[in-house]
Structures are given as C-alpha cells and as structure tokens.
Amino acid sequence: MIAIVRKELADYFTSIRFFVLFLLVLATSGYGLFAAYNGIRQALLESGAVTGSGFVFVALFTSGQGIFTLIFFLTILVPIIGIALGFDAINSERSNGTLSRLLAQPVYRDSVINGKFLAGIITLTIMITTTLLLVSGYGIRMIGVPPNPEEIIRIFLFLVLNIIYGAFWMGLAMLFSVVSRKVSVSLLITIAIWVILFLWTLMGPVLAATLAQSTQGQLTLIRISPLFLFSEATTVLLVPAYRLGFMTMSQAEMSYVIPNPLALGQSMITIWPHLAILVSLSVICFALSYVLFMRQEIRAT
C-alpha cells in the first residue's frame, strides 16, 4: 500500500489540480486575514478579550464582516478540496485502462483504494495545515499577541475537525467514483449534493420553521447538513463564550446568562455529538466505497 500512496502523492503534487487547489488555499488565507483585519476589533470587544477575560488569538479565525469569516471560507474550501481529490479516484483509471493493469501486478485490491484514500487525506491535511499556519503566522504579526497553550490546543482540534470534514467529502466523492464509470457523472452528483446541503444550511432556518413547531425540532432539521454541523462545532471550539443553548433561548433568558468562556473540556463535550456524526459519515462513505470496489468486476479494455 505504501507504493500506491507514494504514486498517488506524486500524481497529486505534479498535477495542475494541485496547483489550482493551492492557489485556492492562498486565496482563502488572504481573505481570512483580510476579514480578520476588518473585524478583529469588534470581535475582541464582544469576546471580552480587551478586559482580559477572553481569547485574543483564536479571534483571528472567527472575526470578520458578517458571515464572511475564515470558518465560512473553510466551510466552502474543504469540500472543494475533498471532492477534487476523490471524484475520479477509481473511474478515471478504469476508463484509461490502467486499473486492470495495476491489479494484474502483485498488488492487493484493497491496497489500491486504501492507498488512494490515505494519499488524499495526506494531501488534504497539508493544504489545511498550510492555511492555518499562514493565518496564524501573519496573524501574530498583525495583532502582536502569541497564542496561549489552550488556544494552541483549540487550533489543533480545529485542524483535526477540518480533516474529518474533508474526509467525509472525499469519501463521498470516491463513493460515486466507484459507482459511476464516468468521471463527469461522479463529479456532477457530488457537486449537486454539496450545493443542496449548502443551500439548506443558508435557508434551512426559514424552511425548518415551517416544518417544525419547537425550536429543538428546527435545530434537528438544520443539523441534517454536515456543513451546519461543521460550522456549529468550529464556532463552539474557537469562540469559548459561545453556547449552543443560546439558539434555543429567548432574548429575555439570554440577558441573565453570564458570558463566561467555556473550558476546553466543556467545549469538547458540547461538540462531541457533532464530531461523532462527522466521523460516522466519513467512515460510512469510505466503507461503502471499499465494499463496492472489492466486489466489482474489473476487466482489461
């Protein structure tokens, strides 16, 4: 499997696709820094960091103008990277005739799909890590405040959450790459699912209000979208003063809440269901891809 991983990594790093994705990473980092530069002052005032009761460094990832924060950009960028790395993982080699020749060698069939998925995860990790390092490095120079140990842990957990989120989209794209023999079909289906879930994340609160009477029922409907789960989990992780209970409370009830930041352990307990769902979705998508690929008949063309 190591040979498959090396071969896939070499193909990724020498392709035009990787160059375009890396440009998107740089653009996302730049937009994230620009949004943080314009909204960092208000974010620090709202978080209480100016008075010493909040977190300064993680505000770089959550501050911006409205919804246009680094979290919002990553919510869009990570699925694009995952889909780009997985939509033609199997069917492109099948259509080119290289898959049958590869399996004619002393290579286990499961090593092929495992190696492709692992190489995609490594590439995804490199790109997301590059984004966070760029924002962190230039952010330190911009605000002049280094992160404290808890903020470093929160940023690392944020990185892990991004990798899991990207693994879901790559597993989904790889699933349709196994099912469909045409690269265009697998790409269009995966993009269509992403667009539908993205629109549901934006318009879901309005539609859920007409479908469910209770606020908790509305939240359950909105959380069908992995995009909303990712956005909600990252907000809890990077904004310690944020609580999911605020969404189900009235303005009168919120006025009695003391905006103290949650400890790291409490934040992890809060987002544990979100993390479990994203991991489960990633495992299910890859497991289906694995099973279908192992049962497919592959002939030389």
C-alpha atoms as a PDB file:
ATOM      1  CA  MET A   1       0.000   0.000   0.000  1.00  0.00           C
ATOM      2  CA  ILE A   2       2.950   2.334   0.614  1.00  0.00           C
ATOM      3  CA  ALA A   3       3.828   2.171  -3.076  1.00  0.00           C
ATOM      4  CA  ILE A   4       0.257   3.176  -4.004  1.00  0.00           C
ATOM      5  CA  VAL A   5       0.385   6.092  -1.552  1.00  0.00           C
ATOM      6  CA  ARG A   6       3.685   7.331  -2.991  1.00  0.00           C
ATOM      7  CA  LYS A   7       2.388   7.031  -6.533  1.00  0.00           C
ATOM      8  CA  GLU A   8      -0.819   8.940  -5.729  1.00  0.00           C
ATOM      9  CA  LEU A   9       1.062  11.654  -3.854  1.00  0.00           C
ATOM     10  CA  ALA A  10       3.425  12.081  -6.799  1.00  0.00           C
ATOM     11  CA  ASP A  11       0.436  12.372  -9.143  1.00  0.00           C
ATOM     12  CA  TYR A  12      -1.262  14.925  -6.886  1.00  0.00           C
ATOM     13  CA  PHE A  13       1.783  17.142  -6.342  1.00  0.00           C
ATOM     14  CA  THR A  14       2.717  17.244 -10.034  1.00  0.00           C
ATOM     15  CA  SER A  15      -0.773  17.895 -11.393  1.00  0.00           C
ATOM     16  CA  ILE A  16      -2.470  21.126 -12.431  1.00  0.00           C
ATOM     17  CA  ARG A  17      -5.239  20.257  -9.990  1.00  0.00           C
ATOM     18  CA  PHE A  18      -2.894  20.576  -7.013  1.00  0.00           C
ATOM     19  CA  PHE A  19      -1.625  23.931  -8.302  1.00  0.00           C
ATOM     20  CA  VAL A  20      -5.172  25.282  -8.633  1.00  0.00           C
ATOM     21  CA  LEU A  21      -6.155  23.977  -5.187  1.00  0.00           C
ATOM     22  CA  PHE A  22      -3.048  25.508  -3.649  1.00  0.00           C
ATOM     23  CA  LEU A  23      -3.988  28.850  -5.203  1.00  0.00           C
ATOM     24  CA  LEU A  24      -7.403  28.480  -3.553  1.00  0.00           C
ATOM     25  CA  VAL A  25      -5.652  27.819  -0.249  1.00  0.00           C
ATOM     26  CA  LEU A  26      -3.620  31.006  -0.607  1.00  0.00           C
ATOM     27  CA  ALA A  27      -6.712  32.983  -1.596  1.00  0.00           C
ATOM     28  CA  THR A  28      -8.655  31.618   1.373  1.00  0.00           C
ATOM     29  CA  SER A  29      -5.821  32.520   3.729  1.00  0.00           C
ATOM     30  CA  GLY A  30      -5.667  36.018   2.289  1.00  0.00           C
ATOM     31  CA  TYR A  31      -9.431  36.551   2.523  1.00  0.00           C
ATOM     32  CA  GLY A  32      -9.412  35.170   6.049  1.00  0.00           C
ATOM     33  CA  LEU A  33      -6.705  37.613   7.124  1.00  0.00           C
ATOM     34  CA  PHE A  34      -8.479  40.485   5.382  1.00  0.00           C
ATOM     35  CA  ALA A  35     -11.748  39.636   7.137  1.00  0.00           C
ATOM     36  CA  ALA A  36      -9.952  39.313  10.480  1.00  0.00           C
ATOM     37  CA  TYR A  37      -8.212  42.651   9.964  1.00  0.00           C
ATOM     38  CA  ASN A  38     -11.557  44.395   9.433  1.00  0.00           C
ATOM     39  CA  GLY A  39     -13.445  42.641  12.225  1.00  0.00           C
ATOM     40  CA  ILE A  40     -10.859  41.816  14.881  1.00  0.00           C
ATOM     41  CA  ARG A  41     -11.535  44.909  16.975  1.00  0.00           C
ATOM     42  CA  GLN A  42     -15.275  44.248  17.292  1.00  0.00           C
ATOM     43  CA  ALA A  43     -14.665  40.541  17.868  1.00  0.00           C
ATOM     44  CA  LEU A  44     -12.288  41.254  20.736  1.00  0.00           C
ATOM     45  CA  LEU A  45     -14.744  43.656  22.337  1.00  0.00           C
ATOM     46  CA  GLU A  46     -17.577  41.121  22.099  1.00  0.00           C
ATOM     47  CA  SER A  47     -15.452  38.278  23.455  1.00  0.00           C
ATOM     48  CA  GLY A  48     -14.192  40.315  26.392  1.00  0.00           C
ATOM     49  CA  ALA A  49     -10.568  39.895  25.349  1.00  0.00           C
ATOM     50  CA  VAL A  50      -9.868  43.588  25.827  1.00  0.00           C
ATOM     51  CA  THR A  51     -10.629  43.250  29.522  1.00  0.00           C
ATOM     52  CA  GLY A  52      -8.518  40.108  29.848  1.00  0.00           C
ATOM     53  CA  SER A  53     -11.408  37.640  30.177  1.00  0.00           C
ATOM     54  CA  GLY A  54     -11.361  36.255  26.627  1.00  0.00           C
ATOM     55  CA  PHE A  55      -9.162  34.720  23.945  1.00  0.00           C
ATOM     56  CA  VAL A  56      -7.301  37.022  21.589  1.00  0.00           C
ATOM     57  CA  PHE A  57      -5.529  34.757  19.109  1.00  0.00           C
ATOM     58  CA  VAL A  58      -8.440  32.472  18.159  1.00  0.00           C
ATOM     59  CA  ALA A  59     -10.450  35.587  17.297  1.00  0.00           C
ATOM     60  CA  LEU A  60      -8.402  35.669  14.078  1.00  0.00           C
ATOM     61  CA  PHE A  61     -10.320  32.633  12.835  1.00  0.00           C
ATOM     62  CA  THR A  62     -13.802  33.848  13.793  1.00  0.00           C
ATOM     63  CA  SER A  63     -13.744  37.613  13.220  1.00  0.00           C
ATOM     64  CA  GLY A  64     -14.930  39.199  10.008  1.00  0.00           C
ATOM     65  CA  GLN A  65     -17.753  41.081   8.388  1.00  0.00           C
ATOM     66  CA  GLY A  66     -20.987  39.175   8.990  1.00  0.00           C
ATOM     67  CA  ILE A  67     -20.682  35.528   7.974  1.00  0.00           C
ATOM     68  CA  PHE A  68     -17.532  36.142   5.918  1.00  0.00           C
ATOM     69  CA  THR A  69     -15.011  34.705   8.343  1.00  0.00           C
ATOM     70  CA  LEU A  70     -12.258  32.129   7.932  1.00  0.00           C
ATOM     71  CA  ILE A  71     -14.670  29.468   9.215  1.00  0.00           C
ATOM     72  CA  PHE A  72     -17.102  30.341   6.417  1.00  0.00           C
ATOM     73  CA  PHE A  73     -14.346  30.190   3.796  1.00  0.00           C
ATOM     74  CA  LEU A  74     -13.137  26.811   5.090  1.00  0.00           C
ATOM     75  CA  THR A  75     -16.710  25.508   5.077  1.00  0.00           C
ATOM     76  CA  ILE A  76     -16.606  26.077   1.314  1.00  0.00           C
ATOM     77  CA  LEU A  77     -12.926  25.333   0.597  1.00  0.00           C
ATOM     78  CA  VAL A  78     -12.596  21.988   2.397  1.00  0.00           C
ATOM     79  CA  PRO A  79     -15.436  20.295   0.431  1.00  0.00           C
ATOM     80  CA  ILE A  80     -13.923  21.598  -2.812  1.00  0.00           C
ATOM     81  CA  ILE A  81     -10.556  20.038  -1.925  1.00  0.00           C
ATOM     82  CA  GLY A  82     -12.157  16.770  -0.816  1.00  0.00           C
ATOM     83  CA  ILE A  83     -14.284  16.489  -3.956  1.00  0.00           C
ATOM     84  CA  ALA A  84     -11.357  17.407  -6.229  1.00  0.00           C
ATOM     85  CA  LEU A  85      -9.195  14.682  -4.679  1.00  0.00           C
ATOM     86  CA  GLY A  86     -11.793  11.911  -4.803  1.00  0.00           C
ATOM     87  CA  PHE A  87     -14.219  12.339  -7.696  1.00  0.00           C
ATOM     88  CA  ASP A  88     -12.000  10.498 -10.242  1.00  0.00           C
ATOM     89  CA  ALA A  89     -10.004   8.260  -7.926  1.00  0.00           C
ATOM     90  CA  ILE A  90     -11.299   4.997  -9.429  1.00  0.00           C
ATOM     91  CA  ASN A  91     -13.283   5.636 -12.598  1.00  0.00           C
ATOM     92  CA  SER A  92     -10.513   7.647 -14.285  1.00  0.00           C
ATOM     93  CA  GLU A  93      -8.105   4.730 -14.016  1.00  0.00           C
ATOM     94  CA  ARG A  94     -10.825   2.353 -15.146  1.00  0.00           C
ATOM     95  CA  SER A  95     -11.599   4.442 -18.231  1.00  0.00           C
ATOM     96  CA  ASN A  96      -7.883   4.802 -19.052  1.00  0.00           C
ATOM     97  CA  GLY A  97      -7.329   1.067 -18.680  1.00  0.00           C
ATOM     98  CA  THR A  98      -4.627   1.473 -16.041  1.00  0.00           C
ATOM     99  CA  LEU A  99      -6.666  -0.077 -13.231  1.00  0.00           C
ATOM    100  CA  SER A 100      -6.739  -3.549 -14.790  1.00  0.00           C
ATOM    101  CA  ARG A 101      -3.012  -3.399 -15.487  1.00  0.00           C
ATOM    102  CA  LEU A 102      -2.362  -2.270 -11.922  1.00  0.00           C
ATOM    103  CA  LEU A 103      -4.364  -5.140 -10.456  1.00  0.00           C
ATOM    104  CA  ALA A 104      -2.571  -7.586 -12.769  1.00  0.00           C
ATOM    105  CA  GLN A 105       0.546  -6.859 -10.710  1.00  0.00           C
ATOM    106  CA  PRO A 106       1.143  -8.476  -7.280  1.00  0.00           C
ATOM    107  CA  VAL A 107      -0.930  -5.775  -5.582  1.00  0.00           C
ATOM    108  CA  TYR A 108      -3.868  -6.452  -3.298  1.00  0.00           C
ATOM    109  CA  ARG A 109      -7.098  -4.856  -4.465  1.00  0.00           C
ATOM    110  CA  ASP A 110      -7.820  -3.288  -1.070  1.00  0.00           C
ATOM    111  CA  SER A 111      -4.371  -1.676  -1.112  1.00  0.00           C
ATOM    112  CA  VAL A 112      -5.439   0.348  -4.147  1.00  0.00           C
ATOM    113  CA  ILE A 113      -8.456   2.033  -2.609  1.00  0.00           C
ATOM    114  CA  ASN A 114      -6.828   2.310   0.831  1.00  0.00           C
ATOM    115  CA  GLY A 115      -3.735   3.911  -0.689  1.00  0.00           C
ATOM    116  CA  LYS A 116      -5.771   6.366  -2.733  1.00  0.00           C
ATOM    117  CA  PHE A 117      -7.823   7.421   0.291  1.00  0.00           C
ATOM    118  CA  LEU A 118      -4.753   7.750   2.527  1.00  0.00           C
ATOM    119  CA  ALA A 119      -2.899   9.809  -0.096  1.00  0.00           C
ATOM    120  CA  GLY A 120      -5.921  12.088  -0.384  1.00  0.00           C
ATOM    121  CA  ILE A 121      -6.041  12.557   3.386  1.00  0.00           C
ATOM    122  CA  ILE A 122      -2.332  13.442   3.452  1.00  0.00           C
ATOM    123  CA  THR A 123      -2.789  15.995   0.660  1.00  0.00           C
ATOM    124  CA  LEU A 124      -5.866  17.440   2.352  1.00  0.00           C
ATOM    125  CA  THR A 125      -4.008  17.701   5.658  1.00  0.00           C
ATOM    126  CA  ILE A 126      -1.104  19.536   4.025  1.00  0.00           C
ATOM    127  CA  MET A 127      -3.415  22.094   2.417  1.00  0.00           C
ATOM    128  CA  ILE A 128      -5.485  22.783   5.524  1.00  0.00           C
ATOM    129  CA  THR A 129      -2.375  22.966   7.706  1.00  0.00           C
ATOM    130  CA  THR A 130      -0.864  25.447   5.266  1.00  0.00           C
ATOM    131  CA  THR A 131      -3.965  27.638   5.547  1.00  0.00           C
ATOM    132  CA  LEU A 132      -3.934  27.638   9.342  1.00  0.00           C
ATOM    133  CA  LEU A 133      -0.187  28.254   9.522  1.00  0.00           C
ATOM    134  CA  LEU A 134      -0.414  31.195   7.123  1.00  0.00           C
ATOM    135  CA  VAL A 135      -3.262  32.772   9.057  1.00  0.00           C
ATOM    136  CA  SER A 136      -1.543  32.114  12.387  1.00  0.00           C
ATOM    137  CA  GLY A 137       1.844  33.440  11.265  1.00  0.00           C
ATOM    138  CA  TYR A 138       0.573  36.641   9.707  1.00  0.00           C
ATOM    139  CA  GLY A 139      -2.000  36.968  12.480  1.00  0.00           C
ATOM    140  CA  ILE A 140       0.702  37.071  15.152  1.00  0.00           C
ATOM    141  CA  ARG A 141       2.413  39.860  13.256  1.00  0.00           C
ATOM    142  CA  MET A 142      -0.893  41.701  12.823  1.00  0.00           C
ATOM    143  CA  ILE A 143      -2.138  41.622  16.431  1.00  0.00           C
ATOM    144  CA  GLY A 144       1.214  41.143  18.183  1.00  0.00           C
ATOM    145  CA  VAL A 145      -0.176  38.567  20.629  1.00  0.00           C
ATOM    146  CA  PRO A 146       1.027  34.934  20.594  1.00  0.00           C
ATOM    147  CA  PRO A 147      -1.426  32.112  21.393  1.00  0.00           C
ATOM    148  CA  ASN A 148      -1.586  30.670  24.882  1.00  0.00           C
ATOM    149  CA  PRO A 149      -1.421  26.874  25.430  1.00  0.00           C
ATOM    150  CA  GLU A 150      -5.213  26.424  25.439  1.00  0.00           C
ATOM    151  CA  GLU A 151      -5.559  28.358  22.194  1.00  0.00           C
ATOM    152  CA  ILE A 152      -2.891  26.144  20.572  1.00  0.00           C
ATOM    153  CA  ILE A 153      -4.877  23.058  21.599  1.00  0.00           C
ATOM    154  CA  ARG A 154      -8.109  24.573  20.266  1.00  0.00           C
ATOM    155  CA  ILE A 155      -6.457  25.391  16.925  1.00  0.00           C
ATOM    156  CA  PHE A 156      -5.065  21.848  16.701  1.00  0.00           C
ATOM    157  CA  LEU A 157      -8.521  20.400  17.382  1.00  0.00           C
ATOM    158  CA  PHE A 158      -9.867  22.785  14.752  1.00  0.00           C
ATOM    159  CA  LEU A 159      -7.361  21.298  12.296  1.00  0.00           C
ATOM    160  CA  VAL A 160      -8.479  17.757  13.174  1.00  0.00           C
ATOM    161  CA  LEU A 161     -12.115  18.755  12.701  1.00  0.00           C
ATOM    162  CA  ASN A 162     -11.311  20.171   9.255  1.00  0.00           C
ATOM    163  CA  ILE A 163      -9.563  16.936   8.257  1.00  0.00           C
ATOM    164  CA  ILE A 164     -12.555  14.847   9.342  1.00  0.00           C
ATOM    165  CA  TYR A 165     -14.899  17.190   7.498  1.00  0.00           C
ATOM    166  CA  GLY A 166     -12.757  16.944   4.353  1.00  0.00           C
ATOM    167  CA  ALA A 167     -12.522  13.150   4.691  1.00  0.00           C
ATOM    168  CA  PHE A 168     -16.329  12.959   4.514  1.00  0.00           C
ATOM    169  CA  TRP A 169     -16.441  14.859   1.224  1.00  0.00           C
ATOM    170  CA  MET A 170     -13.548  12.912  -0.232  1.00  0.00           C
ATOM    171  CA  GLY A 171     -15.160   9.630   0.822  1.00  0.00           C
ATOM    172  CA  LEU A 172     -18.456  10.730  -0.726  1.00  0.00           C
ATOM    173  CA  ALA A 173     -16.736  11.709  -3.982  1.00  0.00           C
ATOM    174  CA  MET A 174     -14.799   8.429  -4.015  1.00  0.00           C
ATOM    175  CA  LEU A 175     -18.045   6.518  -3.476  1.00  0.00           C
ATOM    176  CA  PHE A 176     -19.562   7.956  -6.648  1.00  0.00           C
ATOM    177  CA  SER A 177     -16.239   7.415  -8.409  1.00  0.00           C
ATOM    178  CA  VAL A 178     -16.627   3.699  -7.668  1.00  0.00           C
ATOM    179  CA  VAL A 179     -20.331   3.571  -8.535  1.00  0.00           C
ATOM    180  CA  SER A 180     -20.191   5.605 -11.749  1.00  0.00           C
ATOM    181  CA  ARG A 181     -17.967   4.708 -14.672  1.00  0.00           C
ATOM    182  CA  LYS A 182     -17.937   8.289 -15.990  1.00  0.00           C
ATOM    183  CA  VAL A 183     -15.844  10.957 -14.311  1.00  0.00           C
ATOM    184  CA  SER A 184     -18.264  13.733 -15.246  1.00  0.00           C
ATOM    185  CA  VAL A 185     -21.213  11.930 -13.652  1.00  0.00           C
ATOM    186  CA  SER A 186     -19.422  11.339 -10.341  1.00  0.00           C
ATOM    187  CA  LEU A 187     -18.286  14.970 -10.234  1.00  0.00           C
ATOM    188  CA  LEU A 188     -21.727  16.402 -11.030  1.00  0.00           C
ATOM    189  CA  ILE A 189     -23.510  14.219  -8.465  1.00  0.00           C
ATOM    190  CA  THR A 190     -21.091  15.150  -5.694  1.00  0.00           C
ATOM    191  CA  ILE A 191     -21.244  18.860  -6.531  1.00  0.00           C
ATOM    192  CA  ALA A 192     -25.057  18.688  -6.646  1.00  0.00           C
ATOM    193  CA  ILE A 193     -25.139  17.184  -3.151  1.00  0.00           C
ATOM    194  CA  TRP A 194     -22.778  19.880  -1.886  1.00  0.00           C
ATOM    195  CA  VAL A 195     -24.879  22.669  -3.416  1.00  0.00           C
ATOM    196  CA  ILE A 196     -28.099  21.261  -1.954  1.00  0.00           C
ATOM    197  CA  LEU A 197     -26.591  20.954   1.523  1.00  0.00           C
ATOM    198  CA  PHE A 198     -25.043  24.423   1.259  1.00  0.00           C
ATOM    199  CA  LEU A 199     -28.380  25.973   0.305  1.00  0.00           C
ATOM    200  CA  TRP A 200     -30.067  24.052   3.101  1.00  0.00           C
ATOM    201  CA  THR A 201     -27.531  25.484   5.547  1.00  0.00           C
ATOM    202  CA  LEU A 202     -28.337  29.011   4.391  1.00  0.00           C
ATOM    203  CA  MET A 203     -32.118  28.687   4.023  1.00  0.00           C
ATOM    204  CA  GLY A 204     -32.665  25.837   6.461  1.00  0.00           C
ATOM    205  CA  PRO A 205     -33.690  28.019   9.431  1.00  0.00           C
ATOM    206  CA  VAL A 206     -36.541  29.544   7.417  1.00  0.00           C
ATOM    207  CA  LEU A 207     -37.716  26.223   5.998  1.00  0.00           C
ATOM    208  CA  ALA A 208     -37.332  24.399   9.309  1.00  0.00           C
ATOM    209  CA  ALA A 209     -39.546  26.989  10.998  1.00  0.00           C
ATOM    210  CA  THR A 210     -42.398  25.962   8.712  1.00  0.00           C
ATOM    211  CA  LEU A 211     -41.820  22.227   9.188  1.00  0.00           C
ATOM    212  CA  ALA A 212     -41.293  22.050  12.963  1.00  0.00           C
ATOM    213  CA  GLN A 213     -43.061  23.857  15.768  1.00  0.00           C
ATOM    214  CA  SER A 214     -40.454  23.555  18.507  1.00  0.00           C
ATOM    215  CA  THR A 215     -37.071  25.255  18.352  1.00  0.00           C
ATOM    216  CA  GLN A 216     -35.306  21.975  19.116  1.00  0.00           C
ATOM    217  CA  GLY A 217     -37.083  20.326  16.201  1.00  0.00           C
ATOM    218  CA  GLN A 218     -35.967  23.131  13.910  1.00  0.00           C
ATOM    219  CA  LEU A 219     -32.367  22.704  15.029  1.00  0.00           C
ATOM    220  CA  THR A 220     -32.584  18.963  14.384  1.00  0.00           C
ATOM    221  CA  LEU A 221     -33.718  19.589  10.825  1.00  0.00           C
ATOM    222  CA  ILE A 222     -30.969  22.139  10.183  1.00  0.00           C
ATOM    223  CA  ARG A 223     -28.316  19.790  11.565  1.00  0.00           C
ATOM    224  CA  ILE A 224     -29.043  17.313   8.788  1.00  0.00           C
ATOM    225  CA  SER A 225     -26.452  19.264   6.796  1.00  0.00           C
ATOM    226  CA  PRO A 226     -22.805  18.356   7.560  1.00  0.00           C
ATOM    227  CA  LEU A 227     -21.912  21.937   6.650  1.00  0.00           C
ATOM    228  CA  PHE A 228     -24.024  23.259   9.510  1.00  0.00           C
ATOM    229  CA  LEU A 229     -22.578  20.667  11.899  1.00  0.00           C
ATOM    230  CA  PHE A 230     -19.051  21.709  10.949  1.00  0.00           C
ATOM    231  CA  SER A 231     -19.804  25.425  11.265  1.00  0.00           C
ATOM    232  CA  GLU A 232     -21.505  24.964  14.630  1.00  0.00           C
ATOM    233  CA  ALA A 233     -18.736  22.763  16.026  1.00  0.00           C
ATOM    234  CA  THR A 234     -15.950  25.109  14.926  1.00  0.00           C
ATOM    235  CA  THR A 235     -17.763  28.103  16.396  1.00  0.00           C
ATOM    236  CA  VAL A 236     -18.046  26.378  19.775  1.00  0.00           C
ATOM    237  CA  LEU A 237     -14.391  25.353  19.594  1.00  0.00           C
ATOM    238  CA  LEU A 238     -12.979  28.742  18.610  1.00  0.00           C
ATOM    239  CA  VAL A 239     -15.422  31.009  20.467  1.00  0.00           C
ATOM    240  CA  PRO A 240     -15.297  29.754  24.075  1.00  0.00           C
ATOM    241  CA  ALA A 241     -18.057  32.142  25.172  1.00  0.00           C
ATOM    242  CA  TYR A 242     -20.484  30.696  22.586  1.00  0.00           C
ATOM    243  CA  ARG A 243     -23.052  28.155  23.768  1.00  0.00           C
ATOM    244  CA  LEU A 244     -25.387  26.084  21.649  1.00  0.00           C
ATOM    245  CA  GLY A 245     -28.146  26.742  24.168  1.00  0.00           C
ATOM    246  CA  PHE A 246     -28.268  30.377  23.039  1.00  0.00           C
ATOM    247  CA  MET A 247     -30.067  29.291  19.892  1.00  0.00           C
ATOM    248  CA  THR A 248     -32.972  27.872  21.893  1.00  0.00           C
ATOM    249  CA  MET A 249     -33.277  30.721  24.386  1.00  0.00           C
ATOM    250  CA  SER A 250     -35.294  33.894  24.195  1.00  0.00           C
ATOM    251  CA  GLN A 251     -33.747  37.346  24.459  1.00  0.00           C
ATOM    252  CA  ALA A 252     -35.092  37.724  27.995  1.00  0.00           C
ATOM    253  CA  GLU A 253     -33.450  34.468  29.064  1.00  0.00           C
ATOM    254  CA  MET A 254     -30.163  35.352  27.387  1.00  0.00           C
ATOM    255  CA  SER A 255     -29.960  38.619  29.336  1.00  0.00           C
ATOM    256  CA  TYR A 256     -29.474  36.609  32.551  1.00  0.00           C
ATOM    257  CA  VAL A 257     -26.654  34.456  31.149  1.00  0.00           C
ATOM    258  CA  ILE A 258     -23.145  35.333  32.293  1.00  0.00           C
ATOM    259  CA  PRO A 259     -20.908  35.240  29.165  1.00  0.00           C
ATOM    260  CA  ASN A 260     -18.051  33.322  30.768  1.00  0.00           C
ATOM    261  CA  PRO A 261     -15.882  31.297  28.354  1.00  0.00           C
ATOM    262  CA  LEU A 262     -16.261  27.536  28.450  1.00  0.00           C
ATOM    263  CA  ALA A 263     -13.314  25.432  29.492  1.00  0.00           C
ATOM    264  CA  LEU A 264     -11.703  23.282  26.825  1.00  0.00           C
ATOM    265  CA  GLY A 265     -13.219  20.111  28.266  1.00  0.00           C
ATOM    266  CA  GLN A 266     -16.718  21.628  28.268  1.00  0.00           C
ATOM    267  CA  SER A 267     -16.298  22.753  24.673  1.00  0.00           C
ATOM    268  CA  MET A 268     -15.296  19.219  23.662  1.00  0.00           C
ATOM    269  CA  ILE A 269     -18.305  17.744  25.461  1.00  0.00           C
ATOM    270  CA  THR A 270     -20.546  20.221  23.639  1.00  0.00           C
ATOM    271  CA  ILE A 271     -19.261  19.361  20.157  1.00  0.00           C
ATOM    272  CA  TRP A 272     -18.822  15.628  20.795  1.00  0.00           C
ATOM    273  CA  PRO A 273     -22.120  14.703  19.021  1.00  0.00           C
ATOM    274  CA  HIS A 274     -21.116  16.810  16.010  1.00  0.00           C
ATOM    275  CA  LEU A 275     -17.703  15.147  15.887  1.00  0.00           C
ATOM    276  CA  ALA A 276     -19.223  11.668  16.212  1.00  0.00           C
ATOM    277  CA  ILE A 277     -21.663  12.317  13.352  1.00  0.00           C
ATOM    278  CA  LEU A 278     -18.959  13.657  11.023  1.00  0.00           C
ATOM    279  CA  VAL A 279     -16.674  10.707  11.792  1.00  0.00           C
ATOM    280  CA  SER A 280     -19.548   8.271  11.247  1.00  0.00           C
ATOM    281  CA  LEU A 281     -20.440   9.831   7.897  1.00  0.00           C
ATOM    282  CA  SER A 282     -16.798   9.660   6.780  1.00  0.00           C
ATOM    283  CA  VAL A 283     -16.494   6.008   7.798  1.00  0.00           C
ATOM    284  CA  ILE A 284     -19.798   5.080   6.129  1.00  0.00           C
ATOM    285  CA  CYS A 285     -18.842   6.725   2.827  1.00  0.00           C
ATOM    286  CA  PHE A 286     -15.418   5.089   2.707  1.00  0.00           C
ATOM    287  CA  ALA A 287     -16.797   1.724   3.859  1.00  0.00           C
ATOM    288  CA  LEU A 288     -19.374   1.733   1.058  1.00  0.00           C
ATOM    289  CA  SER A 289     -16.656   2.654  -1.425  1.00  0.00           C
ATOM    290  CA  TYR A 290     -14.450  -0.140  -0.111  1.00  0.00           C
ATOM    291  CA  VAL A 291     -17.148  -2.814  -0.250  1.00  0.00           C
ATOM    292  CA  LEU A 292     -18.384  -1.863  -3.725  1.00  0.00           C
ATOM    293  CA  PHE A 293     -14.848  -1.658  -5.116  1.00  0.00           C
ATOM    294  CA  MET A 294     -13.917  -5.064  -3.701  1.00  0.00           C
ATOM    295  CA  ARG A 295     -16.992  -6.640  -5.313  1.00  0.00           C
ATOM    296  CA  GLN A 296     -16.677  -5.023  -8.727  1.00  0.00           C
ATOM    297  CA  GLU A 297     -15.544  -6.974 -11.721  1.00  0.00           C
ATOM    298  CA  ILE A 298     -12.636  -5.274 -13.442  1.00  0.00           C
ATOM    299  CA  ARG A 299     -11.709  -6.390 -16.931  1.00  0.00           C
ATOM    300  CA  ALA A 300      -8.963  -5.310 -19.260  1.00  0.00           C
ATOM    301  CA  THR A 301     -10.142  -2.971 -22.013  1.00  0.00           C
END
